[in-house]
Structure formats: C-alpha cells, structure tokens
Amino acid sequence: MALARFKLVFFVPTANTRAVLDHLFERFPDHVGTMGNYKKAAFISRGTGQFQPTEGAQPTIGTVGELEFVEEDRVEVLVIDQIHSVVQELVKVHPYEEVAYDVFRLENI
C-alpha cells in the first residue's frame, strides 16, 4: 500500500523562511521535501501578508488593534505520510502565535 502524500502550504515572514524550512527538512529528512531522488524540494513565493491582532493576542510582529503588513513567503512542500507530526512541528518552530497553513491530500493518477 502506498504511503499517503500531502502538500503543505504555509506562510512565514521572509526573515524566518530558511530557519523554518531547514528545521522541517532536518527533523523529517525522509518525509518533507523528498521527491524521488531529490531532497529539500520546496516552492517559495514572496508576497505581503496582513493581519490585525485583537485583544488577548500576543503578536510577534505588530500591535494589538493595528493593521499590520508583513513581507512573507508562501512555502509549499511535499509531505509523505507524517502530516500530523510535521504540522505540529511547524506550529512549534514558526514565529507566529497563529500559523496560517493549508494541507492538501494528493492522489496518484
């Protein structure tokens, strides 16, 4: 039976992209960013994220009540089978209090 495959997409401030990706690659060398004979594969695109922290938030960047704009990277990586563990690790090492991410199950066709 084939292992489940997922695409994990997350957003991270550009200054933290390398550290977060490298941590995931090192922690899950056979499960994150592995495609055939290639390792540490990812797609990274740059953009602007926005958010407004509300009462009770402890923002890494920005001030409660003020709209914040941050240069961020959208990172896409293939995850083999260990998606729950990988997402837990992402949340642990990501600089934001609330991590924006999407998980897509991939089908073989």
PDB file of N, CA and C in Angstrom:
ATOM      1  N   MET A   1       0.841  -1.190   0.000  1.00  0.00           N
ATOM      2  CA  MET A   1       0.000   0.000   0.000  1.00  0.00           C
ATOM      3  C   MET A   1       0.883   1.249   0.000  1.00  0.00           C
ATOM      4  N   ALA A   2       0.572   2.186  -0.860  1.00  0.00           N
ATOM      5  CA  ALA A   2       1.356   3.419  -0.980  1.00  0.00           C
ATOM      6  C   ALA A   2       1.131   4.322   0.228  1.00  0.00           C
ATOM      7  N   LEU A   3       2.174   5.033   0.596  1.00  0.00           N
ATOM      8  CA  LEU A   3       2.070   5.988   1.690  1.00  0.00           C
ATOM      9  C   LEU A   3       1.262   7.200   1.244  1.00  0.00           C
ATOM     10  N   ALA A   4       0.542   7.807   2.179  1.00  0.00           N
ATOM     11  CA  ALA A   4      -0.242   9.000   1.875  1.00  0.00           C
ATOM     12  C   ALA A   4       0.696  10.167   1.570  1.00  0.00           C
ATOM     13  N   ARG A   5       0.289  10.985   0.587  1.00  0.00           N
ATOM     14  CA  ARG A   5       1.085  12.156   0.206  1.00  0.00           C
ATOM     15  C   ARG A   5       0.233  13.408   0.389  1.00  0.00           C
ATOM     16  N   PHE A   6       0.873  14.468   0.866  1.00  0.00           N
ATOM     17  CA  PHE A   6       0.194  15.728   1.120  1.00  0.00           C
ATOM     18  C   PHE A   6       1.040  16.879   0.613  1.00  0.00           C
ATOM     19  N   LYS A   7       0.364  17.977   0.254  1.00  0.00           N
ATOM     20  CA  LYS A   7       1.068  19.232   0.014  1.00  0.00           C
ATOM     21  C   LYS A   7       0.768  20.117   1.215  1.00  0.00           C
ATOM     22  N   LEU A   8       1.819  20.580   1.879  1.00  0.00           N
ATOM     23  CA  LEU A   8       1.691  21.514   2.989  1.00  0.00           C
ATOM     24  C   LEU A   8       2.073  22.897   2.479  1.00  0.00           C
ATOM     25  N   VAL A   9       1.184  23.855   2.667  1.00  0.00           N
ATOM     26  CA  VAL A   9       1.426  25.239   2.275  1.00  0.00           C
ATOM     27  C   VAL A   9       1.357  26.079   3.543  1.00  0.00           C
ATOM     28  N   PHE A  10       2.388  26.885   3.782  1.00  0.00           N
ATOM     29  CA  PHE A  10       2.346  27.775   4.945  1.00  0.00           C
ATOM     30  C   PHE A  10       2.970  29.116   4.604  1.00  0.00           C
ATOM     31  N   PHE A  11       2.658  30.093   5.423  1.00  0.00           N
ATOM     32  CA  PHE A  11       3.124  31.464   5.231  1.00  0.00           C
ATOM     33  C   PHE A  11       4.008  31.845   6.408  1.00  0.00           C
ATOM     34  N   VAL A  12       5.152  32.473   6.106  1.00  0.00           N
ATOM     35  CA  VAL A  12       6.138  32.771   7.145  1.00  0.00           C
ATOM     36  C   VAL A  12       6.838  34.083   6.785  1.00  0.00           C
ATOM     37  N   PRO A  13       7.176  34.915   7.794  1.00  0.00           N
ATOM     38  CA  PRO A  13       7.940  36.123   7.481  1.00  0.00           C
ATOM     39  C   PRO A  13       9.231  35.746   6.753  1.00  0.00           C
ATOM     40  N   THR A  14       9.604  36.543   5.758  1.00  0.00           N
ATOM     41  CA  THR A  14      10.755  36.201   4.922  1.00  0.00           C
ATOM     42  C   THR A  14      12.034  35.990   5.729  1.00  0.00           C
ATOM     43  N   ALA A  15      12.194  36.707   6.820  1.00  0.00           N
ATOM     44  CA  ALA A  15      13.402  36.564   7.640  1.00  0.00           C
ATOM     45  C   ALA A  15      13.486  35.202   8.323  1.00  0.00           C
ATOM     46  N   ASN A  16      12.352  34.481   8.410  1.00  0.00           N
ATOM     47  CA  ASN A  16      12.312  33.200   9.113  1.00  0.00           C
ATOM     48  C   ASN A  16      12.163  31.991   8.201  1.00  0.00           C
ATOM     49  N   THR A  17      12.001  32.217   6.904  1.00  0.00           N
ATOM     50  CA  THR A  17      11.733  31.118   5.973  1.00  0.00           C
ATOM     51  C   THR A  17      12.802  30.040   6.026  1.00  0.00           C
ATOM     52  N   ARG A  18      14.044  30.436   5.906  1.00  0.00           N
ATOM     53  CA  ARG A  18      15.146  29.475   5.856  1.00  0.00           C
ATOM     54  C   ARG A  18      15.204  28.632   7.130  1.00  0.00           C
ATOM     55  N   ALA A  19      15.082  29.269   8.285  1.00  0.00           N
ATOM     56  CA  ALA A  19      15.176  28.548   9.557  1.00  0.00           C
ATOM     57  C   ALA A  19      14.039  27.540   9.712  1.00  0.00           C
ATOM     58  N   VAL A  20      12.818  27.942   9.359  1.00  0.00           N
ATOM     59  CA  VAL A  20      11.671  27.039   9.487  1.00  0.00           C
ATOM     60  C   VAL A  20      11.814  25.868   8.524  1.00  0.00           C
ATOM     61  N   LEU A  21      12.116  26.145   7.258  1.00  0.00           N
ATOM     62  CA  LEU A  21      12.274  25.071   6.269  1.00  0.00           C
ATOM     63  C   LEU A  21      13.407  24.124   6.650  1.00  0.00           C
ATOM     64  N   ASP A  22      14.565  24.676   7.004  1.00  0.00           N
ATOM     65  CA  ASP A  22      15.704  23.828   7.367  1.00  0.00           C
ATOM     66  C   ASP A  22      15.375  22.943   8.559  1.00  0.00           C
ATOM     67  N   HIS A  23      14.640  23.481   9.528  1.00  0.00           N
ATOM     68  CA  HIS A  23      14.253  22.678  10.692  1.00  0.00           C
ATOM     69  C   HIS A  23      13.376  21.499  10.265  1.00  0.00           C
ATOM     70  N   LEU A  24      12.380  21.763   9.420  1.00  0.00           N
ATOM     71  CA  LEU A  24      11.498  20.679   8.971  1.00  0.00           C
ATOM     72  C   LEU A  24      12.260  19.646   8.148  1.00  0.00           C
ATOM     73  N   PHE A  25      13.162  20.106   7.268  1.00  0.00           N
ATOM     74  CA  PHE A  25      13.962  19.173   6.472  1.00  0.00           C
ATOM     75  C   PHE A  25      14.837  18.299   7.368  1.00  0.00           C
ATOM     76  N   GLU A  26      15.436  18.874   8.388  1.00  0.00           N
ATOM     77  CA  GLU A  26      16.317  18.114   9.289  1.00  0.00           C
ATOM     78  C   GLU A  26      15.529  17.175  10.189  1.00  0.00           C
ATOM     79  N   ARG A  27      14.382  17.628  10.671  1.00  0.00           N
ATOM     80  CA  ARG A  27      13.574  16.823  11.596  1.00  0.00           C
ATOM     81  C   ARG A  27      12.898  15.656  10.877  1.00  0.00           C
ATOM     82  N   PHE A  28      12.516  15.855   9.609  1.00  0.00           N
ATOM     83  CA  PHE A  28      11.800  14.831   8.831  1.00  0.00           C
ATOM     84  C   PHE A  28      12.487  14.629   7.480  1.00  0.00           C
ATOM     85  N   PRO A  29      13.730  14.147   7.458  1.00  0.00           N
ATOM     86  CA  PRO A  29      14.504  14.085   6.207  1.00  0.00           C
ATOM     87  C   PRO A  29      13.900  13.190   5.129  1.00  0.00           C
ATOM     88  N   ASP A  30      13.134  12.190   5.508  1.00  0.00           N
ATOM     89  CA  ASP A  30      12.542  11.288   4.518  1.00  0.00           C
ATOM     90  C   ASP A  30      11.069  11.578   4.256  1.00  0.00           C
ATOM     91  N   HIS A  31      10.528  12.594   4.915  1.00  0.00           N
ATOM     92  CA  HIS A  31       9.090  12.852   4.816  1.00  0.00           C
ATOM     93  C   HIS A  31       8.732  14.248   4.322  1.00  0.00           C
ATOM     94  N   VAL A  32       9.645  15.203   4.404  1.00  0.00           N
ATOM     95  CA  VAL A  32       9.359  16.581   3.977  1.00  0.00           C
ATOM     96  C   VAL A  32      10.297  16.961   2.838  1.00  0.00           C
ATOM     97  N   GLY A  33       9.718  17.345   1.705  1.00  0.00           N
ATOM     98  CA  GLY A  33      10.508  17.833   0.585  1.00  0.00           C
ATOM     99  C   GLY A  33      11.255  16.766  -0.182  1.00  0.00           C
ATOM    100  N   THR A  34      10.853  15.510  -0.044  1.00  0.00           N
ATOM    101  CA  THR A  34      11.506  14.420  -0.768  1.00  0.00           C
ATOM    102  C   THR A  34      10.654  14.036  -1.976  1.00  0.00           C
ATOM    103  N   MET A  35      11.285  14.078  -3.150  1.00  0.00           N
ATOM    104  CA  MET A  35      10.608  13.723  -4.398  1.00  0.00           C
ATOM    105  C   MET A  35      11.550  12.837  -5.197  1.00  0.00           C
ATOM    106  N   GLY A  36      11.321  11.532  -5.157  1.00  0.00           N
ATOM    107  CA  GLY A  36      12.199  10.609  -5.876  1.00  0.00           C
ATOM    108  C   GLY A  36      13.623  10.703  -5.367  1.00  0.00           C
ATOM    109  N   ASN A  37      14.560  11.022  -6.263  1.00  0.00           N
ATOM    110  CA  ASN A  37      15.972  11.129  -5.890  1.00  0.00           C
ATOM    111  C   ASN A  37      16.366  12.531  -5.437  1.00  0.00           C
ATOM    112  N   TYR A  38      15.389  13.364  -5.111  1.00  0.00           N
ATOM    113  CA  TYR A  38      15.662  14.742  -4.691  1.00  0.00           C
ATOM    114  C   TYR A  38      15.183  14.959  -3.264  1.00  0.00           C
ATOM    115  N   LYS A  39      15.931  15.751  -2.519  1.00  0.00           N
ATOM    116  CA  LYS A  39      15.560  16.113  -1.150  1.00  0.00           C
ATOM    117  C   LYS A  39      15.516  17.626  -1.030  1.00  0.00           C
ATOM    118  N   LYS A  40      14.885  18.097   0.025  1.00  0.00           N
ATOM    119  CA  LYS A  40      14.790  19.528   0.354  1.00  0.00           C
ATOM    120  C   LYS A  40      14.130  20.333  -0.763  1.00  0.00           C
ATOM    121  N   ALA A  41      13.175  19.708  -1.454  1.00  0.00           N
ATOM    122  CA  ALA A  41      12.443  20.392  -2.520  1.00  0.00           C
ATOM    123  C   ALA A  41      11.320  21.239  -1.915  1.00  0.00           C
ATOM    124  N   ALA A  42      11.187  22.456  -2.391  1.00  0.00           N
ATOM    125  CA  ALA A  42      10.125  23.358  -1.943  1.00  0.00           C
ATOM    126  C   ALA A  42       9.898  24.407  -3.014  1.00  0.00           C
ATOM    127  N   PHE A  43       8.712  24.994  -2.991  1.00  0.00           N
ATOM    128  CA  PHE A  43       8.437  26.149  -3.833  1.00  0.00           C
ATOM    129  C   PHE A  43       8.175  27.315  -2.901  1.00  0.00           C
ATOM    130  N   ILE A  44       8.853  28.432  -3.143  1.00  0.00           N
ATOM    131  CA  ILE A  44       8.735  29.605  -2.279  1.00  0.00           C
ATOM    132  C   ILE A  44       8.384  30.806  -3.145  1.00  0.00           C
ATOM    133  N   SER A  45       7.312  31.491  -2.790  1.00  0.00           N
ATOM    134  CA  SER A  45       6.948  32.722  -3.492  1.00  0.00           C
ATOM    135  C   SER A  45       6.715  33.824  -2.462  1.00  0.00           C
ATOM    136  N   ARG A  46       7.045  35.035  -2.839  1.00  0.00           N
ATOM    137  CA  ARG A  46       7.011  36.171  -1.918  1.00  0.00           C
ATOM    138  C   ARG A  46       5.750  37.001  -2.127  1.00  0.00           C
ATOM    139  N   GLY A  47       5.241  37.542  -1.028  1.00  0.00           N
ATOM    140  CA  GLY A  47       4.065  38.404  -1.087  1.00  0.00           C
ATOM    141  C   GLY A  47       3.923  39.192   0.203  1.00  0.00           C
ATOM    142  N   THR A  48       2.791  39.846   0.347  1.00  0.00           N
ATOM    143  CA  THR A  48       2.523  40.643   1.536  1.00  0.00           C
ATOM    144  C   THR A  48       1.355  40.042   2.295  1.00  0.00           C
ATOM    145  N   GLY A  49       1.586  39.727   3.563  1.00  0.00           N
ATOM    146  CA  GLY A  49       0.524  39.243   4.437  1.00  0.00           C
ATOM    147  C   GLY A  49       0.002  40.403   5.268  1.00  0.00           C
ATOM    148  N   GLN A  50      -1.246  40.300   5.703  1.00  0.00           N
ATOM    149  CA  GLN A  50      -1.785  41.331   6.581  1.00  0.00           C
ATOM    150  C   GLN A  50      -2.593  40.681   7.685  1.00  0.00           C
ATOM    151  N   PHE A  51      -2.635  41.341   8.837  1.00  0.00           N
ATOM    152  CA  PHE A  51      -3.424  40.876   9.971  1.00  0.00           C
ATOM    153  C   PHE A  51      -3.573  42.017  10.963  1.00  0.00           C
ATOM    154  N   GLN A  52      -4.597  41.892  11.798  1.00  0.00           N
ATOM    155  CA  GLN A  52      -4.812  42.865  12.867  1.00  0.00           C
ATOM    156  C   GLN A  52      -4.983  42.096  14.168  1.00  0.00           C
ATOM    157  N   PRO A  53      -3.989  42.149  15.052  1.00  0.00           N
ATOM    158  CA  PRO A  53      -4.116  41.458  16.335  1.00  0.00           C
ATOM    159  C   PRO A  53      -5.267  42.057  17.161  1.00  0.00           C
ATOM    160  N   THR A  54      -6.032  41.196  17.812  1.00  0.00           N
ATOM    161  CA  THR A  54      -7.138  41.645  18.653  1.00  0.00           C
ATOM    162  C   THR A  54      -6.784  41.453  20.121  1.00  0.00           C
ATOM    163  N   GLU A  55      -7.653  41.919  21.006  1.00  0.00           N
ATOM    164  CA  GLU A  55      -7.419  41.782  22.446  1.00  0.00           C
ATOM    165  C   GLU A  55      -7.106  40.328  22.797  1.00  0.00           C
ATOM    166  N   GLY A  56      -6.110  40.137  23.621  1.00  0.00           N
ATOM    167  CA  GLY A  56      -5.698  38.797  24.024  1.00  0.00           C
ATOM    168  C   GLY A  56      -4.567  38.238  23.181  1.00  0.00           C
ATOM    169  N   ALA A  57      -4.323  38.831  22.009  1.00  0.00           N
ATOM    170  CA  ALA A  57      -3.227  38.369  21.146  1.00  0.00           C
ATOM    171  C   ALA A  57      -1.891  38.822  21.726  1.00  0.00           C
ATOM    172  N   GLN A  58      -0.876  38.027  21.458  1.00  0.00           N
ATOM    173  CA  GLN A  58       0.499  38.373  21.813  1.00  0.00           C
ATOM    174  C   GLN A  58       1.321  38.299  20.530  1.00  0.00           C
ATOM    175  N   PRO A  59       1.156  39.305  19.657  1.00  0.00           N
ATOM    176  CA  PRO A  59       1.779  39.225  18.334  1.00  0.00           C
ATOM    177  C   PRO A  59       3.299  39.296  18.371  1.00  0.00           C
ATOM    178  N   THR A  60       3.931  38.463  17.559  1.00  0.00           N
ATOM    179  CA  THR A  60       5.380  38.517  17.368  1.00  0.00           C
ATOM    180  C   THR A  60       5.744  39.806  16.648  1.00  0.00           C
ATOM    181  N   ILE A  61       4.898  40.180  15.704  1.00  0.00           N
ATOM    182  CA  ILE A  61       5.070  41.395  14.911  1.00  0.00           C
ATOM    183  C   ILE A  61       3.774  42.190  15.035  1.00  0.00           C
ATOM    184  N   GLY A  62       3.869  43.496  15.189  1.00  0.00           N
ATOM    185  CA  GLY A  62       2.686  44.338  15.199  1.00  0.00           C
ATOM    186  C   GLY A  62       2.190  44.659  16.596  1.00  0.00           C
ATOM    187  N   THR A  63       1.079  45.407  16.629  1.00  0.00           N
ATOM    188  CA  THR A  63       0.493  45.903  17.867  1.00  0.00           C
ATOM    189  C   THR A  63      -0.991  45.575  17.881  1.00  0.00           C
ATOM    190  N   VAL A  64      -1.505  45.193  19.045  1.00  0.00           N
ATOM    191  CA  VAL A  64      -2.925  44.887  19.189  1.00  0.00           C
ATOM    192  C   VAL A  64      -3.742  46.083  18.703  1.00  0.00           C
ATOM    193  N   GLY A  65      -4.721  45.811  17.850  1.00  0.00           N
ATOM    194  CA  GLY A  65      -5.624  46.829  17.347  1.00  0.00           C
ATOM    195  C   GLY A  65      -5.175  47.533  16.081  1.00  0.00           C
ATOM    196  N   GLU A  66      -3.946  47.312  15.649  1.00  0.00           N
ATOM    197  CA  GLU A  66      -3.440  47.990  14.454  1.00  0.00           C
ATOM    198  C   GLU A  66      -3.230  46.988  13.315  1.00  0.00           C
ATOM    199  N   LEU A  67      -3.665  47.384  12.114  1.00  0.00           N
ATOM    200  CA  LEU A  67      -3.474  46.540  10.937  1.00  0.00           C
ATOM    201  C   LEU A  67      -1.993  46.504  10.584  1.00  0.00           C
ATOM    202  N   GLU A  68      -1.473  45.318  10.404  1.00  0.00           N
ATOM    203  CA  GLU A  68      -0.039  45.117  10.142  1.00  0.00           C
ATOM    204  C   GLU A  68       0.135  44.483   8.761  1.00  0.00           C
ATOM    205  N   PHE A  69       1.159  44.919   8.044  1.00  0.00           N
ATOM    206  CA  PHE A  69       1.521  44.341   6.752  1.00  0.00           C
ATOM    207  C   PHE A  69       2.932  43.791   6.872  1.00  0.00           C
ATOM    208  N   VAL A  70       3.132  42.537   6.450  1.00  0.00           N
ATOM    209  CA  VAL A  70       4.421  41.873   6.617  1.00  0.00           C
ATOM    210  C   VAL A  70       4.823  41.205   5.306  1.00  0.00           C
ATOM    211  N   GLU A  71       6.086  41.369   4.916  1.00  0.00           N
ATOM    212  CA  GLU A  71       6.602  40.644   3.757  1.00  0.00           C
ATOM    213  C   GLU A  71       6.769  39.185   4.174  1.00  0.00           C
ATOM    214  N   GLU A  72       6.058  38.303   3.483  1.00  0.00           N
ATOM    215  CA  GLU A  72       6.048  36.890   3.840  1.00  0.00           C
ATOM    216  C   GLU A  72       6.348  36.029   2.620  1.00  0.00           C
ATOM    217  N   ASP A  73       6.757  34.800   2.910  1.00  0.00           N
ATOM    218  CA  ASP A  73       6.911  33.792   1.871  1.00  0.00           C
ATOM    219  C   ASP A  73       5.790  32.774   1.992  1.00  0.00           C
ATOM    220  N   ARG A  74       5.284  32.357   0.846  1.00  0.00           N
ATOM    221  CA  ARG A  74       4.371  31.222   0.768  1.00  0.00           C
ATOM    222  C   ARG A  74       5.266  30.032   0.438  1.00  0.00           C
ATOM    223  N   VAL A  75       5.273  29.041   1.300  1.00  0.00           N
ATOM    224  CA  VAL A  75       6.135  27.875   1.145  1.00  0.00           C
ATOM    225  C   VAL A  75       5.258  26.657   0.885  1.00  0.00           C
ATOM    226  N   GLU A  76       5.603  25.888  -0.155  1.00  0.00           N
ATOM    227  CA  GLU A  76       4.883  24.661  -0.488  1.00  0.00           C
ATOM    228  C   GLU A  76       5.870  23.507  -0.470  1.00  0.00           C
ATOM    229  N   VAL A  77       5.539  22.454   0.292  1.00  0.00           N
ATOM    230  CA  VAL A  77       6.396  21.268   0.354  1.00  0.00           C
ATOM    231  C   VAL A  77       5.539  20.010   0.290  1.00  0.00           C
ATOM    232  N   LEU A  78       6.124  18.964  -0.259  1.00  0.00           N
ATOM    233  CA  LEU A  78       5.505  17.648  -0.273  1.00  0.00           C
ATOM    234  C   LEU A  78       5.796  16.969   1.060  1.00  0.00           C
ATOM    235  N   VAL A  79       4.763  16.380   1.661  1.00  0.00           N
ATOM    236  CA  VAL A  79       4.923  15.643   2.920  1.00  0.00           C
ATOM    237  C   VAL A  79       4.451  14.217   2.679  1.00  0.00           C
ATOM    238  N   ILE A  80       5.307  13.267   3.011  1.00  0.00           N
ATOM    239  CA  ILE A  80       4.980  11.856   2.857  1.00  0.00           C
ATOM    240  C   ILE A  80       4.571  11.291   4.213  1.00  0.00           C
ATOM    241  N   ASP A  81       3.289  10.970   4.341  1.00  0.00           N
ATOM    242  CA  ASP A  81       2.740  10.174   5.428  1.00  0.00           C
ATOM    243  C   ASP A  81       2.698  10.811   6.818  1.00  0.00           C
ATOM    244  N   GLN A  82       3.606  11.667   7.180  1.00  0.00           N
ATOM    245  CA  GLN A  82       3.717  12.161   8.561  1.00  0.00           C
ATOM    246  C   GLN A  82       3.092  13.542   8.749  1.00  0.00           C
ATOM    247  N   ILE A  83       1.974  13.825   8.104  1.00  0.00           N
ATOM    248  CA  ILE A  83       1.443  15.183   8.068  1.00  0.00           C
ATOM    249  C   ILE A  83       1.116  15.736   9.451  1.00  0.00           C
ATOM    250  N   HIS A  84       0.541  14.940  10.338  1.00  0.00           N
ATOM    251  CA  HIS A  84       0.183  15.454  11.668  1.00  0.00           C
ATOM    252  C   HIS A  84       1.424  15.860  12.453  1.00  0.00           C
ATOM    253  N   SER A  85       2.438  15.038  12.426  1.00  0.00           N
ATOM    254  CA  SER A  85       3.687  15.355  13.127  1.00  0.00           C
ATOM    255  C   SER A  85       4.374  16.568  12.518  1.00  0.00           C
ATOM    256  N   VAL A  86       4.354  16.665  11.200  1.00  0.00           N
ATOM    257  CA  VAL A  86       5.003  17.793  10.521  1.00  0.00           C
ATOM    258  C   VAL A  86       4.289  19.097  10.866  1.00  0.00           C
ATOM    259  N   VAL A  87       2.960  19.100  10.853  1.00  0.00           N
ATOM    260  CA  VAL A  87       2.213  20.318  11.192  1.00  0.00           C
ATOM    261  C   VAL A  87       2.458  20.701  12.649  1.00  0.00           C
ATOM    262  N   GLN A  88       2.476  19.735  13.550  1.00  0.00           N
ATOM    263  CA  GLN A  88       2.772  20.037  14.961  1.00  0.00           C
ATOM    264  C   GLN A  88       4.148  20.680  15.099  1.00  0.00           C
ATOM    265  N   GLU A  89       5.118  20.172  14.379  1.00  0.00           N
ATOM    266  CA  GLU A  89       6.477  20.721  14.430  1.00  0.00           C
ATOM    267  C   GLU A  89       6.514  22.116  13.813  1.00  0.00           C
ATOM    268  N   LEU A  90       5.800  22.318  12.711  1.00  0.00           N
ATOM    269  CA  LEU A  90       5.716  23.637  12.086  1.00  0.00           C
ATOM    270  C   LEU A  90       5.179  24.660  13.084  1.00  0.00           C
ATOM    271  N   VAL A  91       4.101  24.333  13.753  1.00  0.00           N
ATOM    272  CA  VAL A  91       3.495  25.249  14.725  1.00  0.00           C
ATOM    273  C   VAL A  91       4.471  25.546  15.865  1.00  0.00           C
ATOM    274  N   LYS A  92       5.245  24.552  16.248  1.00  0.00           N
ATOM    275  CA  LYS A  92       6.207  24.716  17.344  1.00  0.00           C
ATOM    276  C   LYS A  92       7.346  25.668  16.979  1.00  0.00           C
ATOM    277  N   VAL A  93       7.848  25.600  15.745  1.00  0.00           N
ATOM    278  CA  VAL A  93       9.037  26.385  15.370  1.00  0.00           C
ATOM    279  C   VAL A  93       8.708  27.687  14.639  1.00  0.00           C
ATOM    280  N   HIS A  94       7.479  27.853  14.216  1.00  0.00           N
ATOM    281  CA  HIS A  94       7.074  29.056  13.475  1.00  0.00           C
ATOM    282  C   HIS A  94       7.046  30.256  14.427  1.00  0.00           C
ATOM    283  N   PRO A  95       7.450  31.441  13.955  1.00  0.00           N
ATOM    284  CA  PRO A  95       7.494  32.602  14.846  1.00  0.00           C
ATOM    285  C   PRO A  95       6.124  33.171  15.230  1.00  0.00           C
ATOM    286  N   TYR A  96       5.078  32.896  14.451  1.00  0.00           N
ATOM    287  CA  TYR A  96       3.771  33.483  14.734  1.00  0.00           C
ATOM    288  C   TYR A  96       3.025  32.719  15.815  1.00  0.00           C
ATOM    289  N   GLU A  97       2.205  33.446  16.564  1.00  0.00           N
ATOM    290  CA  GLU A  97       1.327  32.860  17.573  1.00  0.00           C
ATOM    291  C   GLU A  97       0.272  31.969  16.908  1.00  0.00           C
ATOM    292  N   GLU A  98      -0.259  32.420  15.775  1.00  0.00           N
ATOM    293  CA  GLU A  98      -1.224  31.652  14.978  1.00  0.00           C
ATOM    294  C   GLU A  98      -0.608  31.420  13.601  1.00  0.00           C
ATOM    295  N   VAL A  99      -0.416  30.174  13.231  1.00  0.00           N
ATOM    296  CA  VAL A  99       0.246  29.838  11.965  1.00  0.00           C
ATOM    297  C   VAL A  99      -0.810  29.607  10.886  1.00  0.00           C
ATOM    298  N   ALA A 100      -0.659  30.303   9.762  1.00  0.00           N
ATOM    299  CA  ALA A 100      -1.556  30.103   8.619  1.00  0.00           C
ATOM    300  C   ALA A 100      -0.978  28.994   7.745  1.00  0.00           C
ATOM    301  N   TYR A 101      -1.732  27.907   7.586  1.00  0.00           N
ATOM    302  CA  TYR A 101      -1.272  26.802   6.744  1.00  0.00           C
ATOM    303  C   TYR A 101      -2.465  26.086   6.134  1.00  0.00           C
ATOM    304  N   ASP A 102      -2.212  25.405   5.020  1.00  0.00           N
ATOM    305  CA  ASP A 102      -3.199  24.565   4.348  1.00  0.00           C
ATOM    306  C   ASP A 102      -2.576  23.196   4.126  1.00  0.00           C
ATOM    307  N   VAL A 103      -3.409  22.167   4.175  1.00  0.00           N
ATOM    308  CA  VAL A 103      -2.968  20.803   3.886  1.00  0.00           C
ATOM    309  C   VAL A 103      -3.872  20.242   2.795  1.00  0.00           C
ATOM    310  N   PHE A 104      -3.255  19.719   1.745  1.00  0.00           N
ATOM    311  CA  PHE A 104      -3.985  19.110   0.640  1.00  0.00           C
ATOM    312  C   PHE A 104      -3.545  17.658   0.496  1.00  0.00           C
ATOM    313  N   ARG A 105      -4.498  16.736   0.492  1.00  0.00           N
ATOM    314  CA  ARG A 105      -4.177  15.329   0.238  1.00  0.00           C
ATOM    315  C   ARG A 105      -3.987  15.167  -1.268  1.00  0.00           C
ATOM    316  N   LEU A 106      -2.919  14.502  -1.660  1.00  0.00           N
ATOM    317  CA  LEU A 106      -2.618  14.291  -3.071  1.00  0.00           C
ATOM    318  C   LEU A 106      -3.032  12.886  -3.489  1.00  0.00           C
ATOM    319  N   GLU A 107      -3.527  12.775  -4.689  1.00  0.00           N
ATOM    320  CA  GLU A 107      -3.949  11.492  -5.246  1.00  0.00           C
ATOM    321  C   GLU A 107      -2.989  11.074  -6.348  1.00  0.00           C
ATOM    322  N   ASN A 108      -2.730   9.799  -6.464  1.00  0.00           N
ATOM    323  CA  ASN A 108      -1.940   9.275  -7.581  1.00  0.00           C
ATOM    324  C   ASN A 108      -2.870   9.091  -8.773  1.00  0.00           C
ATOM    325  N   ILE A 109      -2.476   9.639  -9.926  1.00  0.00           N
ATOM    326  CA  ILE A 109      -3.315   9.459 -11.120  1.00  0.00           C
ATOM    327  C   ILE A 109      -2.440   9.023 -12.280  1.00  0.00           C
TER     328      ILE A 109
END
